[in-house]
């Protein structure tokens, strides 16, 4: 259904491998990481086994793809994306960018990806995270149509200020937390459905201008909407008045 499209993924995380497992399209796999066997990592790696420990993640993914379907084309880029230019260079030929990176940390890489996505005019799905029984579903962003990541950050800052408490938006990537393998699968499949909507156009993406938090203890989902800001430096449309 979407074999003609190509998407860029900016990390080889467990969530990304769930994307790959359920969205068979031509892809760019971008990662500089190797597979490790930490208790918080390998238990949720759907395409990796103990036999793959120590191997490059992106290359291993490509190999597993070939076993599933030899016609799947995967371009491997072993690199870290730390700048807007680096992301733009990697995403030049992409139809969709799916960001699952957490280095140096999720907020920073989401800013880099949304900057590059807007510069190239490429839709992008931004990562959130999961910890214990909770999972954060990030927004789907279509340049020129939806709000951007900066709009989300601004809205969240306002909401936290009004609530009168401080909150760590996303746990820093250097802090290890517990996880449940099934949660990464469910989280990824929400984004897979979003990716299919973006690539095919058969329905409006659900996560435009919104994020969601999944509570797997109660099987609940809480959506949080945010608006596109007219004065946003990236996606705003507020025009400057000419001086007379």
Protein backbone atom coordinates (compact mmCIF):
# COMPACT_ATOMS: atom_id res chain seq x y z
CA UNK A 1 0.00 0.00 0.00
CA UNK A 2 2.83 2.44 0.75
CA UNK A 3 5.77 0.80 -0.99
CA UNK A 4 6.53 3.92 -3.02
CA UNK A 5 7.19 6.03 0.09
CA UNK A 6 10.39 6.36 2.05
CA UNK A 7 10.66 7.46 5.64
CA UNK A 8 13.59 8.49 7.79
CA UNK A 9 13.98 7.20 11.34
CA UNK A 10 16.47 9.00 13.51
CA UNK A 11 17.34 6.23 15.98
CA UNK A 12 17.22 2.49 16.41
CA UNK A 13 15.18 2.40 19.59
CA UNK A 14 12.75 -0.34 20.54
CA UNK A 15 9.83 1.84 19.47
CA UNK A 16 11.42 2.40 16.08
CA UNK A 17 11.81 -1.32 15.52
CA UNK A 18 8.10 -1.69 16.14
CA UNK A 19 7.56 0.93 13.42
CA UNK A 20 9.75 -1.07 11.08
CA UNK A 21 8.04 -4.34 11.93
CA UNK A 22 4.58 -3.04 11.00
CA UNK A 23 5.31 -0.44 8.31
CA UNK A 24 7.00 -2.18 5.38
CA UNK A 25 8.27 0.62 3.18
CA UNK A 26 11.58 1.80 1.77
CA UNK A 27 13.43 3.37 4.68
CA UNK A 28 16.50 5.21 5.88
CA UNK A 29 17.68 3.72 9.18
CA UNK A 30 19.83 6.24 11.03
CA UNK A 31 21.72 5.19 14.15
CA UNK A 32 25.21 5.24 15.63
CA UNK A 33 24.36 2.80 18.41
CA UNK A 34 25.21 -0.84 18.92
CA UNK A 35 22.96 -3.46 20.47
CA UNK A 36 23.49 -3.92 24.19
CA UNK A 37 22.10 -6.49 26.58
CA UNK A 38 21.05 -4.23 29.46
CA UNK A 39 17.95 -5.37 31.31
CA UNK A 40 16.12 -2.17 30.36
CA UNK A 41 16.97 -2.52 26.68
CA UNK A 42 17.07 -5.98 25.16
CA UNK A 43 13.76 -7.08 26.66
CA UNK A 44 11.91 -4.70 24.30
CA UNK A 45 13.96 -5.18 21.14
CA UNK A 46 11.52 -6.94 18.83
CA UNK A 47 14.06 -7.51 16.04
CA UNK A 48 17.10 -8.31 18.18
CA UNK A 49 18.27 -11.41 20.05
CA UNK A 50 21.25 -12.20 22.26
CA UNK A 51 23.08 -13.32 19.12
CA UNK A 52 22.95 -9.69 17.86
CA UNK A 53 24.56 -8.12 20.95
CA UNK A 54 27.50 -5.93 19.95
CA UNK A 55 26.33 -5.47 16.35
CA UNK A 56 25.31 -2.10 14.84
CA UNK A 57 21.58 -1.56 15.29
CA UNK A 58 20.81 -0.11 11.86
CA UNK A 59 22.68 -2.82 9.96
CA UNK A 60 21.01 -5.54 12.01
CA UNK A 61 17.58 -4.07 11.28
CA UNK A 62 18.35 -4.06 7.56
CA UNK A 63 19.39 -7.70 7.76
CA UNK A 64 16.19 -8.70 9.52
CA UNK A 65 14.18 -6.79 6.92
CA UNK A 66 15.86 -8.76 4.16
CA UNK A 67 14.88 -12.01 5.87
CA UNK A 68 11.25 -10.90 6.05
CA UNK A 69 11.09 -9.53 2.50
CA UNK A 70 14.16 -9.28 0.20
CA UNK A 71 12.45 -6.50 -1.78
CA UNK A 72 12.56 -4.09 1.17
CA UNK A 73 15.22 -1.43 0.55
CA UNK A 74 16.96 0.03 3.58
CA UNK A 75 19.62 2.73 3.36
CA UNK A 76 21.84 2.64 6.44
CA UNK A 77 23.35 5.83 7.81
CA UNK A 78 25.61 5.27 10.82
CA UNK A 79 25.69 8.76 12.24
CA UNK A 80 24.52 10.91 15.11
CA UNK A 81 22.14 13.72 14.25
CA UNK A 82 23.00 16.61 16.52
CA UNK A 83 22.24 19.59 14.27
CA UNK A 84 19.52 20.84 11.95
CA UNK A 85 21.90 20.56 9.00
CA UNK A 86 22.76 16.97 9.88
CA UNK A 87 19.08 16.06 9.95
CA UNK A 88 18.42 17.88 6.68
CA UNK A 89 21.29 16.07 4.97
CA UNK A 90 19.93 12.71 6.11
CA UNK A 91 16.29 13.51 5.26
CA UNK A 92 16.67 15.07 1.80
CA UNK A 93 14.87 12.22 -0.02
CA UNK A 94 12.45 11.24 2.73
CA UNK A 95 8.65 11.42 2.53
CA UNK A 96 8.20 11.25 6.29
CA UNK A 97 10.51 11.61 9.29
CA UNK A 98 9.83 9.48 12.37
CA UNK A 99 11.96 10.59 15.30
CA UNK A 100 12.71 8.01 17.98
CA UNK A 101 16.07 9.38 19.08
CA UNK A 102 16.89 10.15 22.69
CA UNK A 103 20.43 11.51 22.38
CA UNK A 104 21.47 13.97 23.64
CA UNK A 105 17.91 14.11 25.00
CA UNK A 106 14.43 13.88 23.55
CA UNK A 107 13.47 17.55 23.79
CA UNK A 108 16.61 18.67 21.96
CA UNK A 109 16.37 16.11 19.17
CA UNK A 110 12.68 16.91 18.69
CA UNK A 111 13.63 20.57 18.19
CA UNK A 112 16.29 19.58 15.66
CA UNK A 113 13.90 17.36 13.72
CA UNK A 114 11.05 19.89 13.65
CA UNK A 115 13.47 22.61 12.47
CA UNK A 116 14.73 20.36 9.67
CA UNK A 117 11.27 19.10 8.80
CA UNK A 118 9.94 22.63 8.38
CA UNK A 119 12.96 23.71 6.34
CA UNK A 120 12.42 20.76 3.96
CA UNK A 121 8.62 20.80 4.09
CA UNK A 122 8.56 17.15 5.26
CA UNK A 123 5.92 15.82 7.70
CA UNK A 124 7.40 14.41 10.89
CA UNK A 125 6.27 12.35 13.85
CA UNK A 126 8.03 13.22 17.09
CA UNK A 127 8.85 10.84 19.89
CA UNK A 128 7.71 10.97 23.45
CA UNK A 129 8.74 8.27 25.85
CA UNK A 130 7.54 5.72 28.34
CA UNK A 131 8.28 4.91 31.94
CA UNK A 132 6.68 2.21 34.00
CA UNK A 133 2.96 2.02 33.21
CA UNK A 134 2.77 5.36 31.35
CA UNK A 135 3.60 6.23 27.75
CA UNK A 136 3.69 9.57 25.98
CA UNK A 137 2.51 9.77 22.35
CA UNK A 138 4.15 12.67 20.54
CA UNK A 139 2.56 14.92 17.90
CA UNK A 140 2.32 14.44 14.16
CA UNK A 141 3.51 17.64 12.48
CA UNK A 142 2.77 18.72 8.92
CA UNK A 143 4.64 21.91 7.96
CA UNK A 144 2.31 24.69 6.86
CA UNK A 145 -0.72 22.95 8.34
CA UNK A 146 -0.17 22.07 11.99
CA UNK A 147 1.54 23.48 15.04
CA UNK A 148 5.19 22.62 15.60
CA UNK A 149 7.13 21.20 18.56
CA UNK A 150 7.90 24.71 19.82
CA UNK A 151 4.18 25.42 20.01
CA UNK A 152 3.77 22.29 22.12
CA UNK A 153 6.60 23.30 24.46
CA UNK A 154 5.07 26.76 24.88
CA UNK A 155 1.62 25.32 25.62
CA UNK A 156 3.02 22.87 28.14
CA UNK A 157 4.97 25.62 29.91
CA UNK A 158 1.77 27.67 30.18
CA UNK A 159 -0.23 24.73 31.48
CA UNK A 160 2.37 23.87 34.11
CA UNK A 161 2.59 27.50 35.18
CA UNK A 162 -1.17 27.76 35.62
CA UNK A 163 -1.22 24.49 37.55
CA UNK A 164 1.39 25.84 39.95
CA UNK A 165 3.76 22.90 39.91
CA UNK A 166 6.93 21.83 38.16
CA UNK A 167 7.14 18.76 35.98
CA UNK A 168 9.95 16.98 34.15
CA UNK A 169 8.67 16.98 30.57
CA UNK A 170 10.60 13.92 29.41
CA UNK A 171 12.97 11.90 31.58
CA UNK A 172 16.54 12.60 30.39
CA UNK A 173 17.92 9.76 28.29
CA UNK A 174 20.82 9.15 30.66
CA UNK A 175 18.38 8.19 33.41
CA UNK A 176 17.42 4.51 33.20
CA UNK A 177 13.87 3.67 34.14
CA UNK A 178 11.79 0.54 34.20
CA UNK A 179 9.82 -0.47 31.14
CA UNK A 180 7.40 -3.08 29.92
CA UNK A 181 8.05 -4.50 26.46
CA UNK A 182 4.38 -4.55 25.49
CA UNK A 183 4.12 -0.81 26.15
CA UNK A 184 6.70 0.05 23.50
CA UNK A 185 4.79 -2.10 20.99
CA UNK A 186 1.46 -0.39 21.68
CA UNK A 187 3.03 3.06 21.65
CA UNK A 188 4.76 2.40 18.35
CA UNK A 189 1.62 1.09 16.68
CA UNK A 190 -0.23 4.31 17.48
CA UNK A 191 2.48 6.11 15.51
CA UNK A 192 2.40 3.47 12.77
CA UNK A 193 -1.26 4.26 12.19
CA UNK A 194 -0.37 7.96 12.08
CA UNK A 195 2.39 7.27 9.55
CA UNK A 196 0.00 5.36 7.30
CA UNK A 197 -2.47 8.26 7.42
CA UNK A 198 0.27 10.75 6.48
CA UNK A 199 1.69 8.60 3.69
CA UNK A 200 -1.61 7.58 2.09
CA UNK A 201 -3.83 10.56 2.92
CA UNK A 202 -6.83 8.28 3.51
CA UNK A 203 -7.58 10.01 6.82
CA UNK A 204 -6.53 13.08 8.78
CA UNK A 205 -3.78 12.22 11.30
CA UNK A 206 -5.21 12.03 14.81
CA UNK A 207 -2.17 13.56 16.51
CA UNK A 208 -2.14 16.89 14.68
CA UNK A 209 -1.92 19.66 17.31
CA UNK A 210 -2.12 17.20 20.18
CA UNK A 211 -0.22 14.76 22.35
CA UNK A 212 -1.50 11.84 24.39
CA UNK A 213 -0.62 9.95 27.53
CA UNK A 214 -1.48 6.27 27.77
CA UNK A 215 -2.12 4.72 31.17
CA UNK A 216 -1.77 0.98 30.83
CA UNK A 217 -2.90 0.26 34.39
CA UNK A 218 -6.38 1.62 33.64
CA UNK A 219 -6.25 1.25 29.82
CA UNK A 220 -6.93 4.97 29.61
CA UNK A 221 -5.76 7.62 27.17
CA UNK A 222 -5.65 11.35 27.87
CA UNK A 223 -5.31 13.78 24.95
CA UNK A 224 -3.81 17.22 25.39
CA UNK A 225 -4.46 19.71 22.59
CA UNK A 226 -2.26 22.69 21.74
CA UNK A 227 -2.61 25.48 19.20
CA UNK A 228 -0.46 26.83 16.44
CA UNK A 229 0.91 30.16 17.66
CA UNK A 230 0.80 33.06 15.24
CA UNK A 231 4.00 34.47 16.73
CA UNK A 232 5.91 31.15 16.68
CA UNK A 233 9.33 31.75 15.14
CA UNK A 234 9.11 28.47 13.19
CA UNK A 235 5.53 27.90 12.08
CA UNK A 236 3.79 31.18 12.90
CA UNK A 237 2.13 33.28 10.21
CA UNK A 238 2.05 36.61 11.98
CA UNK A 239 3.45 39.18 9.58
CA UNK A 240 5.61 42.03 10.72
CA UNK A 241 4.17 45.47 10.04
CA UNK A 242 6.19 47.67 7.77
CA UNK A 243 7.53 50.84 9.27
CA UNK A 244 6.22 54.00 7.63
